[in-house]
Structures are given as structure tokens and as C-alpha cells.
Amino acid sequence: MRKELLRRHARVCLLVAAAVLASPSAGLAEPTADTIAVNVDQAKLVRLPGKVATIVVGNPLIADVTLQPGGMIVVTGKGYGATNFIALDRAGEILVDRQIQVEGPSDRLVTVYRGVERESYSCLPICQRRVTLGDSDNYFNTTMGQAGSLSSNAIGGAAKTN
């Protein structure tokens, strides 16, 4: 009886997932001209009017905005959701006040649940580990540790050859 209930629940979950994937814009607000849409873990260049001196970000956990020379900013998606940024000139006058919408990854993401534990994989063209917000602590820390170790070894190897 319990196995049958679990099978029905799994079928319902698959149907819901298929319906959501079939209509990816269902329930999502379309970005407007005043909204900057960026994917999590990606960056986008945006040109602002000249004379910007200060950038204020509503929630830096959602997006990071970095001012570059020549009136360019780099908007980086840090977490899912929406926030805003305000660009001010030296006199404190508001030049720009725009929304930033940070969305999920654009690649083929596969999420595996093992009880309450969650793992994410990027599957383009083959599935490989990908750290995504919301992954379980053990998976996240193991993957980040491996990435850090690989980076350290690469830097160490490059220093030895010079």
C-alpha cells in the first residue's frame, strides 16, 4: 500500500515538473525595459549615463553591481530573486533606479533529491557536478573543496614551471 502511494506521488511530481518545463514562463514576471535580467552565477554588462559616482544595491545577496570606467557596470547574479540598484552622481542626485531580476541557470540543470539531500548537475552534453544555491551542505562543501583543491594545484603547478 505504501509503495503504491509513493509511486502515485512520484508520478504526480513528474507530471507537475513536466508541466512547469513545458511552460517555463508560467508564473514568472516578464522583465520590463527597466529590469535587468541576469542568470545566477553569470554577469551582464550595462551602460549607464556618464558621471555615475556611487552605486547602491538593494540586496547584495541577490546581485552585485560593480562600476567600471566609462559608465559601464557589471551586474552579477548571486542569488535567486529581485532587487534594485540606484546610481548617484557626486552631488547625490539619482541618475538611475532599476530593477534586477536574477533567474535560474540557463544550462540543462538536473536536480537529484535523496531524501532531503539535494545535488545539482549540469548536463550539457554530459552530466557533471554543479554547485547551485539550495544544494545540501555536504554536497556543496565537498564540491567546493574539490574545486578549491584543483585550483590550488593548478596555481602551484604553474609556479613550479616558471
N, C-alpha and C. Protein backbone atom coordinates (compact mmCIF):
# COMPACT_ATOMS: atom_id res chain seq x y z
N MET A 1 0.82 -1.18 0.00
CA MET A 1 0.00 0.00 0.00
C MET A 1 0.88 1.26 0.00
N ARG A 2 1.90 1.29 0.88
CA ARG A 2 2.77 2.45 0.97
C ARG A 2 3.58 2.63 -0.32
N LYS A 3 4.04 1.52 -0.92
CA LYS A 3 4.79 1.62 -2.17
C LYS A 3 3.93 2.20 -3.28
N GLU A 4 2.68 1.76 -3.33
CA GLU A 4 1.77 2.29 -4.36
C GLU A 4 1.53 3.79 -4.16
N LEU A 5 1.39 4.22 -2.92
CA LEU A 5 1.21 5.63 -2.63
C LEU A 5 2.43 6.43 -3.06
N LEU A 6 3.62 5.90 -2.79
CA LEU A 6 4.85 6.57 -3.20
C LEU A 6 4.97 6.64 -4.72
N ARG A 7 4.56 5.57 -5.41
CA ARG A 7 4.59 5.58 -6.88
C ARG A 7 3.64 6.65 -7.43
N ARG A 8 2.44 6.75 -6.87
CA ARG A 8 1.48 7.77 -7.32
C ARG A 8 2.05 9.17 -7.07
N HIS A 9 2.65 9.35 -5.89
CA HIS A 9 3.24 10.65 -5.57
C HIS A 9 4.35 11.00 -6.56
N ALA A 10 5.18 10.02 -6.89
CA ALA A 10 6.26 10.25 -7.85
C ALA A 10 5.71 10.61 -9.22
N ARG A 11 4.64 9.91 -9.65
CA ARG A 11 4.02 10.23 -10.95
C ARG A 11 3.47 11.65 -10.96
N VAL A 12 2.82 12.05 -9.88
CA VAL A 12 2.27 13.41 -9.79
C VAL A 12 3.40 14.43 -9.86
N CYS A 13 4.48 14.17 -9.13
CA CYS A 13 5.63 15.09 -9.16
C CYS A 13 6.21 15.20 -10.57
N LEU A 14 6.33 14.08 -11.26
CA LEU A 14 6.84 14.11 -12.63
C LEU A 14 5.92 14.88 -13.56
N LEU A 15 4.62 14.71 -13.41
CA LEU A 15 3.66 15.44 -14.24
C LEU A 15 3.73 16.94 -13.98
N VAL A 16 3.84 17.32 -12.71
CA VAL A 16 3.95 18.73 -12.37
C VAL A 16 5.24 19.30 -12.95
N ALA A 17 6.35 18.58 -12.81
CA ALA A 17 7.63 19.04 -13.36
C ALA A 17 7.56 19.19 -14.87
N ALA A 18 6.93 18.22 -15.54
CA ALA A 18 6.78 18.30 -16.99
C ALA A 18 5.94 19.51 -17.39
N ALA A 19 4.88 19.78 -16.63
CA ALA A 19 4.04 20.94 -16.94
C ALA A 19 4.80 22.25 -16.76
N VAL A 20 5.61 22.33 -15.71
CA VAL A 20 6.39 23.54 -15.48
C VAL A 20 7.43 23.72 -16.57
N LEU A 21 8.09 22.62 -16.97
CA LEU A 21 9.09 22.72 -18.03
C LEU A 21 8.47 23.04 -19.38
N ALA A 22 7.26 22.58 -19.59
CA ALA A 22 6.58 22.85 -20.87
C ALA A 22 6.23 24.32 -21.01
N SER A 23 6.00 25.00 -19.90
CA SER A 23 5.67 26.43 -19.96
C SER A 23 6.57 27.17 -18.97
N PRO A 24 7.84 27.41 -19.35
CA PRO A 24 8.80 27.98 -18.42
C PRO A 24 8.44 29.38 -17.95
N SER A 25 7.62 30.11 -18.68
CA SER A 25 7.29 31.46 -18.25
C SER A 25 6.06 31.51 -17.36
N ALA A 26 5.43 30.35 -17.10
CA ALA A 26 4.23 30.35 -16.27
C ALA A 26 4.56 30.80 -14.87
N GLY A 27 3.88 31.82 -14.40
CA GLY A 27 4.06 32.31 -13.05
C GLY A 27 5.25 33.24 -12.88
N LEU A 28 6.01 33.47 -13.93
CA LEU A 28 7.16 34.36 -13.83
C LEU A 28 6.83 35.69 -14.49
N ALA A 29 7.26 36.75 -13.85
CA ALA A 29 7.04 38.07 -14.41
C ALA A 29 8.02 38.29 -15.55
N GLU A 30 7.53 38.81 -16.64
CA GLU A 30 8.40 39.12 -17.76
C GLU A 30 9.20 40.38 -17.43
N PRO A 31 10.50 40.39 -17.73
CA PRO A 31 11.28 41.59 -17.46
C PRO A 31 10.81 42.75 -18.32
N THR A 32 10.78 43.93 -17.73
CA THR A 32 10.40 45.14 -18.46
C THR A 32 11.66 45.84 -18.94
N ALA A 33 11.47 46.96 -19.62
CA ALA A 33 12.63 47.71 -20.11
C ALA A 33 13.47 48.24 -18.96
N ASP A 34 12.86 48.45 -17.80
CA ASP A 34 13.59 48.95 -16.64
C ASP A 34 14.20 47.84 -15.81
N THR A 35 14.03 46.59 -16.22
CA THR A 35 14.55 45.45 -15.47
C THR A 35 15.75 44.85 -16.19
N ILE A 36 16.79 44.58 -15.42
CA ILE A 36 17.96 43.90 -15.95
C ILE A 36 17.84 42.44 -15.54
N ALA A 37 17.72 41.55 -16.51
CA ALA A 37 17.60 40.11 -16.23
C ALA A 37 18.97 39.48 -16.39
N VAL A 38 19.39 38.72 -15.37
CA VAL A 38 20.68 38.04 -15.40
C VAL A 38 20.50 36.68 -14.73
N ASN A 39 21.24 35.70 -15.21
CA ASN A 39 21.18 34.36 -14.60
C ASN A 39 22.10 34.31 -13.39
N VAL A 40 21.75 33.45 -12.44
CA VAL A 40 22.60 33.27 -11.27
C VAL A 40 23.96 32.76 -11.73
N ASP A 41 25.02 33.23 -11.10
CA ASP A 41 26.41 32.87 -11.40
C ASP A 41 26.87 33.37 -12.77
N GLN A 42 26.18 34.35 -13.33
CA GLN A 42 26.62 34.95 -14.59
C GLN A 42 26.65 36.46 -14.45
N ALA A 43 27.31 37.11 -15.39
CA ALA A 43 27.45 38.57 -15.36
C ALA A 43 26.90 39.16 -16.65
N LYS A 44 26.51 40.42 -16.56
CA LYS A 44 26.00 41.15 -17.72
C LYS A 44 26.55 42.56 -17.66
N LEU A 45 26.97 43.09 -18.81
CA LEU A 45 27.44 44.47 -18.91
C LEU A 45 26.27 45.38 -19.26
N VAL A 46 26.19 46.52 -18.57
CA VAL A 46 25.13 47.50 -18.82
C VAL A 46 25.77 48.88 -18.85
N ARG A 47 25.40 49.67 -19.87
CA ARG A 47 25.92 51.04 -19.97
C ARG A 47 24.99 51.99 -19.23
N LEU A 48 25.57 52.87 -18.43
CA LEU A 48 24.83 53.87 -17.69
C LEU A 48 25.20 55.26 -18.20
N PRO A 49 24.38 56.25 -17.84
CA PRO A 49 24.75 57.62 -18.21
C PRO A 49 26.07 58.01 -17.54
N GLY A 50 26.77 58.97 -18.12
CA GLY A 50 28.04 59.41 -17.54
C GLY A 50 27.86 60.03 -16.18
N LYS A 51 28.98 60.26 -15.51
CA LYS A 51 29.03 60.95 -14.22
C LYS A 51 28.47 60.15 -13.06
N VAL A 52 28.37 58.82 -13.18
CA VAL A 52 27.94 57.99 -12.04
C VAL A 52 29.12 57.93 -11.06
N ALA A 53 28.84 58.24 -9.79
CA ALA A 53 29.88 58.22 -8.77
C ALA A 53 29.65 57.12 -7.74
N THR A 54 28.39 56.79 -7.48
CA THR A 54 28.07 55.83 -6.43
C THR A 54 27.00 54.88 -6.92
N ILE A 55 27.15 53.60 -6.56
CA ILE A 55 26.13 52.58 -6.85
C ILE A 55 25.66 52.01 -5.52
N VAL A 56 24.36 51.94 -5.33
CA VAL A 56 23.76 51.34 -4.14
C VAL A 56 22.92 50.15 -4.60
N VAL A 57 23.17 48.97 -3.99
CA VAL A 57 22.43 47.76 -4.33
C VAL A 57 21.48 47.43 -3.19
N GLY A 58 20.21 47.19 -3.53
CA GLY A 58 19.21 46.88 -2.51
C GLY A 58 19.56 45.65 -1.69
N ASN A 59 19.84 44.53 -2.34
CA ASN A 59 20.17 43.29 -1.64
C ASN A 59 21.38 42.66 -2.33
N PRO A 60 22.58 42.85 -1.76
CA PRO A 60 23.78 42.31 -2.39
C PRO A 60 23.88 40.79 -2.36
N LEU A 61 22.97 40.11 -1.65
CA LEU A 61 22.95 38.65 -1.70
C LEU A 61 22.30 38.16 -2.99
N ILE A 62 21.52 39.02 -3.64
CA ILE A 62 20.86 38.66 -4.90
C ILE A 62 21.72 39.06 -6.09
N ALA A 63 22.27 40.27 -6.07
CA ALA A 63 23.08 40.73 -7.20
C ALA A 63 24.20 41.63 -6.71
N ASP A 64 25.29 41.62 -7.47
CA ASP A 64 26.42 42.50 -7.22
C ASP A 64 26.52 43.43 -8.42
N VAL A 65 26.74 44.71 -8.17
CA VAL A 65 26.89 45.68 -9.25
C VAL A 65 28.22 46.40 -9.04
N THR A 66 29.08 46.34 -10.05
CA THR A 66 30.41 46.95 -9.97
C THR A 66 30.54 48.01 -11.06
N LEU A 67 30.90 49.21 -10.66
CA LEU A 67 31.08 50.33 -11.59
C LEU A 67 32.43 50.21 -12.27
N GLN A 68 32.44 50.33 -13.59
CA GLN A 68 33.66 50.26 -14.39
C GLN A 68 33.89 51.62 -15.05
N PRO A 69 35.10 51.90 -15.48
CA PRO A 69 35.35 53.16 -16.18
C PRO A 69 34.50 53.29 -17.43
N GLY A 70 34.14 54.51 -17.77
CA GLY A 70 33.38 54.76 -18.99
C GLY A 70 31.88 54.56 -18.84
N GLY A 71 31.37 54.53 -17.62
CA GLY A 71 29.93 54.42 -17.42
C GLY A 71 29.37 53.02 -17.59
N MET A 72 30.22 52.02 -17.54
CA MET A 72 29.75 50.63 -17.63
C MET A 72 29.63 50.06 -16.22
N ILE A 73 28.64 49.17 -16.04
CA ILE A 73 28.56 48.41 -14.80
C ILE A 73 28.53 46.93 -15.15
N VAL A 74 29.01 46.12 -14.21
CA VAL A 74 28.93 44.67 -14.33
C VAL A 74 27.91 44.22 -13.29
N VAL A 75 26.82 43.60 -13.76
CA VAL A 75 25.78 43.07 -12.88
C VAL A 75 25.99 41.56 -12.82
N THR A 76 26.22 41.04 -11.61
CA THR A 76 26.46 39.61 -11.41
C THR A 76 25.36 39.02 -10.56
N GLY A 77 24.72 37.95 -11.06
CA GLY A 77 23.67 37.27 -10.31
C GLY A 77 24.28 36.43 -9.21
N LYS A 78 23.90 36.70 -7.95
CA LYS A 78 24.43 35.98 -6.80
C LYS A 78 23.42 35.00 -6.21
N GLY A 79 22.15 35.35 -6.22
CA GLY A 79 21.11 34.51 -5.65
C GLY A 79 19.80 34.76 -6.39
N TYR A 80 18.85 33.87 -6.24
CA TYR A 80 17.58 33.99 -6.96
C TYR A 80 16.73 35.12 -6.37
N GLY A 81 16.00 35.80 -7.24
CA GLY A 81 15.07 36.82 -6.76
C GLY A 81 15.25 38.14 -7.48
N ALA A 82 14.68 39.18 -6.86
CA ALA A 82 14.73 40.51 -7.45
C ALA A 82 15.26 41.50 -6.42
N THR A 83 15.98 42.48 -6.91
CA THR A 83 16.45 43.58 -6.09
C THR A 83 16.54 44.80 -7.00
N ASN A 84 17.10 45.88 -6.51
CA ASN A 84 17.28 47.06 -7.35
C ASN A 84 18.66 47.63 -7.12
N PHE A 85 19.04 48.56 -8.00
CA PHE A 85 20.24 49.34 -7.76
C PHE A 85 19.95 50.78 -8.12
N ILE A 86 20.63 51.68 -7.43
CA ILE A 86 20.47 53.11 -7.65
C ILE A 86 21.85 53.67 -7.96
N ALA A 87 21.95 54.44 -9.05
CA ALA A 87 23.19 55.10 -9.43
C ALA A 87 23.05 56.59 -9.10
N LEU A 88 24.04 57.12 -8.38
CA LEU A 88 24.03 58.52 -7.96
C LEU A 88 25.23 59.25 -8.55
N ASP A 89 25.07 60.56 -8.77
CA ASP A 89 26.22 61.36 -9.18
C ASP A 89 26.91 61.91 -7.93
N ARG A 90 27.96 62.72 -8.12
CA ARG A 90 28.73 63.23 -6.97
C ARG A 90 27.90 64.12 -6.05
N ALA A 91 26.87 64.75 -6.57
CA ALA A 91 26.02 65.63 -5.76
C ALA A 91 24.92 64.84 -5.04
N GLY A 92 24.84 63.54 -5.28
CA GLY A 92 23.81 62.73 -4.62
C GLY A 92 22.50 62.66 -5.38
N GLU A 93 22.47 63.16 -6.61
CA GLU A 93 21.27 63.10 -7.43
C GLU A 93 21.13 61.71 -8.03
N ILE A 94 19.91 61.20 -8.06
CA ILE A 94 19.65 59.88 -8.63
C ILE A 94 19.67 59.97 -10.15
N LEU A 95 20.56 59.19 -10.76
CA LEU A 95 20.64 59.12 -12.22
C LEU A 95 19.85 57.94 -12.76
N VAL A 96 19.91 56.80 -12.05
CA VAL A 96 19.25 55.57 -12.50
C VAL A 96 18.72 54.83 -11.27
N ASP A 97 17.52 54.29 -11.38
CA ASP A 97 16.95 53.40 -10.36
C ASP A 97 16.29 52.26 -11.13
N ARG A 98 16.96 51.10 -11.17
CA ARG A 98 16.46 49.99 -11.99
C ARG A 98 16.36 48.71 -11.17
N GLN A 99 15.47 47.83 -11.62
CA GLN A 99 15.29 46.52 -11.01
C GLN A 99 16.27 45.52 -11.63
N ILE A 100 16.67 44.55 -10.82
CA ILE A 100 17.50 43.44 -11.29
C ILE A 100 16.75 42.16 -10.96
N GLN A 101 16.52 41.32 -11.96
CA GLN A 101 15.85 40.03 -11.78
C GLN A 101 16.88 38.93 -12.01
N VAL A 102 17.18 38.15 -10.96
CA VAL A 102 18.14 37.06 -11.09
C VAL A 102 17.36 35.76 -11.20
N GLU A 103 17.62 35.05 -12.29
CA GLU A 103 16.90 33.83 -12.61
C GLU A 103 17.81 32.62 -12.51
N GLY A 104 17.22 31.45 -12.66
CA GLY A 104 17.97 30.20 -12.57
C GLY A 104 18.95 30.03 -13.70
N PRO A 105 19.79 29.00 -13.62
CA PRO A 105 20.79 28.76 -14.65
C PRO A 105 20.13 28.47 -16.00
N SER A 106 20.85 28.84 -17.07
CA SER A 106 20.30 28.66 -18.41
C SER A 106 20.70 27.33 -19.03
N ASP A 107 21.65 26.63 -18.41
CA ASP A 107 22.05 25.35 -18.98
C ASP A 107 21.09 24.24 -18.53
N ARG A 108 21.30 23.05 -19.02
CA ARG A 108 20.43 21.93 -18.66
C ARG A 108 20.81 21.44 -17.27
N LEU A 109 20.03 21.88 -16.30
CA LEU A 109 20.29 21.57 -14.91
C LEU A 109 19.43 20.39 -14.48
N VAL A 110 20.07 19.40 -13.87
CA VAL A 110 19.36 18.24 -13.32
C VAL A 110 19.54 18.28 -11.81
N THR A 111 18.44 18.20 -11.08
CA THR A 111 18.48 18.21 -9.63
C THR A 111 18.10 16.83 -9.13
N VAL A 112 18.94 16.26 -8.27
CA VAL A 112 18.72 14.93 -7.71
C VAL A 112 18.43 15.07 -6.22
N TYR A 113 17.31 14.50 -5.81
CA TYR A 113 16.94 14.52 -4.39
C TYR A 113 17.14 13.12 -3.83
N ARG A 114 17.81 13.06 -2.70
CA ARG A 114 17.97 11.82 -1.95
C ARG A 114 17.45 12.11 -0.55
N GLY A 115 16.16 11.87 -0.36
CA GLY A 115 15.52 12.29 0.89
C GLY A 115 15.48 13.80 0.91
N VAL A 116 16.07 14.41 1.92
CA VAL A 116 16.12 15.87 1.99
C VAL A 116 17.41 16.42 1.40
N GLU A 117 18.32 15.55 1.01
CA GLU A 117 19.60 15.97 0.42
C GLU A 117 19.38 16.30 -1.06
N ARG A 118 20.00 17.38 -1.53
CA ARG A 118 19.85 17.81 -2.91
C ARG A 118 21.22 17.99 -3.56
N GLU A 119 21.34 17.50 -4.81
CA GLU A 119 22.54 17.65 -5.61
C GLU A 119 22.15 18.20 -6.97
N SER A 120 23.01 19.03 -7.55
CA SER A 120 22.74 19.61 -8.86
C SER A 120 23.83 19.20 -9.85
N TYR A 121 23.41 18.96 -11.08
CA TYR A 121 24.32 18.57 -12.15
C TYR A 121 24.01 19.39 -13.39
N SER A 122 25.07 19.83 -14.07
CA SER A 122 24.94 20.50 -15.35
C SER A 122 25.09 19.42 -16.42
N CYS A 123 24.09 19.28 -17.26
CA CYS A 123 24.06 18.17 -18.22
C CYS A 123 24.10 18.66 -19.65
N LEU A 124 25.20 19.26 -20.04
CA LEU A 124 25.35 19.74 -21.40
C LEU A 124 26.79 19.55 -21.83
N PRO A 125 27.22 18.60 -22.55
CA PRO A 125 26.49 17.47 -23.11
C PRO A 125 26.42 16.28 -22.16
N ILE A 126 27.34 16.19 -21.17
CA ILE A 126 27.25 15.11 -20.20
C ILE A 126 27.06 15.71 -18.81
N CYS A 127 26.51 14.94 -17.88
CA CYS A 127 26.22 15.45 -16.54
C CYS A 127 27.48 15.50 -15.69
N GLN A 128 27.72 16.67 -15.10
CA GLN A 128 28.84 16.86 -14.18
C GLN A 128 28.35 17.71 -13.01
N ARG A 129 29.00 17.54 -11.86
CA ARG A 129 28.59 18.28 -10.66
C ARG A 129 28.56 19.78 -10.90
N ARG A 130 27.57 20.42 -10.29
CA ARG A 130 27.44 21.87 -10.36
C ARG A 130 26.93 22.33 -9.01
N VAL A 131 27.58 23.28 -8.41
CA VAL A 131 27.13 23.82 -7.13
C VAL A 131 26.06 24.86 -7.41
N THR A 132 24.89 24.67 -6.82
CA THR A 132 23.76 25.57 -7.02
C THR A 132 23.19 25.93 -5.66
N LEU A 133 22.71 27.17 -5.52
CA LEU A 133 22.08 27.58 -4.28
C LEU A 133 20.98 26.60 -3.92
N GLY A 134 20.98 26.14 -2.68
CA GLY A 134 19.96 25.21 -2.22
C GLY A 134 20.45 23.77 -2.15
N ASP A 135 21.64 23.48 -2.68
CA ASP A 135 22.19 22.13 -2.57
C ASP A 135 22.49 21.83 -1.10
N SER A 136 22.48 20.55 -0.74
CA SER A 136 22.75 20.16 0.64
C SER A 136 24.18 20.56 1.02
N ASP A 137 24.38 20.80 2.31
CA ASP A 137 25.69 21.26 2.81
C ASP A 137 26.82 20.30 2.46
N ASN A 138 26.60 19.00 2.65
CA ASN A 138 27.64 18.02 2.38
C ASN A 138 28.07 18.05 0.92
N TYR A 139 27.09 18.04 0.01
CA TYR A 139 27.37 18.08 -1.43
C TYR A 139 28.08 19.39 -1.79
N PHE A 140 27.55 20.50 -1.29
CA PHE A 140 28.11 21.82 -1.57
C PHE A 140 29.57 21.90 -1.10
N ASN A 141 29.81 21.53 0.16
CA ASN A 141 31.16 21.63 0.71
C ASN A 141 32.15 20.68 0.03
N THR A 142 31.72 19.47 -0.30
CA THR A 142 32.58 18.52 -0.99
C THR A 142 32.96 19.05 -2.37
N THR A 143 31.98 19.54 -3.12
CA THR A 143 32.23 20.06 -4.47
C THR A 143 33.13 21.29 -4.43
N MET A 144 32.86 22.21 -3.49
CA MET A 144 33.68 23.41 -3.37
C MET A 144 35.10 23.05 -2.94
N GLY A 145 35.24 22.06 -2.06
CA GLY A 145 36.57 21.62 -1.64
C GLY A 145 37.36 21.06 -2.81
N GLN A 146 36.71 20.26 -3.65
CA GLN A 146 37.39 19.70 -4.81
C GLN A 146 37.79 20.80 -5.78
N ALA A 147 36.91 21.78 -6.00
CA ALA A 147 37.22 22.88 -6.91
C ALA A 147 38.39 23.71 -6.37
N GLY A 148 38.39 23.96 -5.06
CA GLY A 148 39.48 24.72 -4.44
C GLY A 148 40.80 23.98 -4.53
N SER A 149 40.76 22.68 -4.31
CA SER A 149 41.96 21.86 -4.40
C SER A 149 42.51 21.85 -5.82
N LEU A 150 41.64 21.72 -6.79
CA LEU A 150 42.05 21.74 -8.19
C LEU A 150 42.69 23.08 -8.54
N SER A 151 42.08 24.16 -8.09
CA SER A 151 42.61 25.50 -8.36
C SER A 151 43.98 25.69 -7.71
N SER A 152 44.11 25.26 -6.45
CA SER A 152 45.39 25.37 -5.74
C SER A 152 46.48 24.57 -6.45
N ASN A 153 46.15 23.36 -6.88
CA ASN A 153 47.14 22.53 -7.59
C ASN A 153 47.53 23.14 -8.91
N ALA A 154 46.58 23.74 -9.61
CA ALA A 154 46.89 24.38 -10.88
C ALA A 154 47.80 25.57 -10.69
N ILE A 155 47.53 26.38 -9.66
CA ILE A 155 48.39 27.54 -9.37
C ILE A 155 49.76 27.07 -8.94
N GLY A 156 49.82 26.05 -8.08
CA GLY A 156 51.10 25.52 -7.63
C GLY A 156 51.92 24.94 -8.77
N GLY A 157 51.25 24.23 -9.68
CA GLY A 157 51.93 23.65 -10.83
C GLY A 157 52.47 24.72 -11.76
N ALA A 158 51.73 25.80 -11.93
CA ALA A 158 52.17 26.88 -12.80
C ALA A 158 53.38 27.59 -12.19
N ALA A 159 53.39 27.73 -10.85
CA ALA A 159 54.51 28.41 -10.19
C ALA A 159 55.80 27.57 -10.30
N LYS A 160 55.68 26.23 -10.28
CA LYS A 160 56.84 25.37 -10.36
C LYS A 160 57.49 25.40 -11.76
N THR A 161 56.67 25.61 -12.80
CA THR A 161 57.20 25.61 -14.16
C THR A 161 57.86 26.94 -14.51
N ASN A 162 57.61 27.99 -13.74
CA ASN A 162 58.21 29.31 -14.04
C ASN A 162 59.57 29.47 -13.46
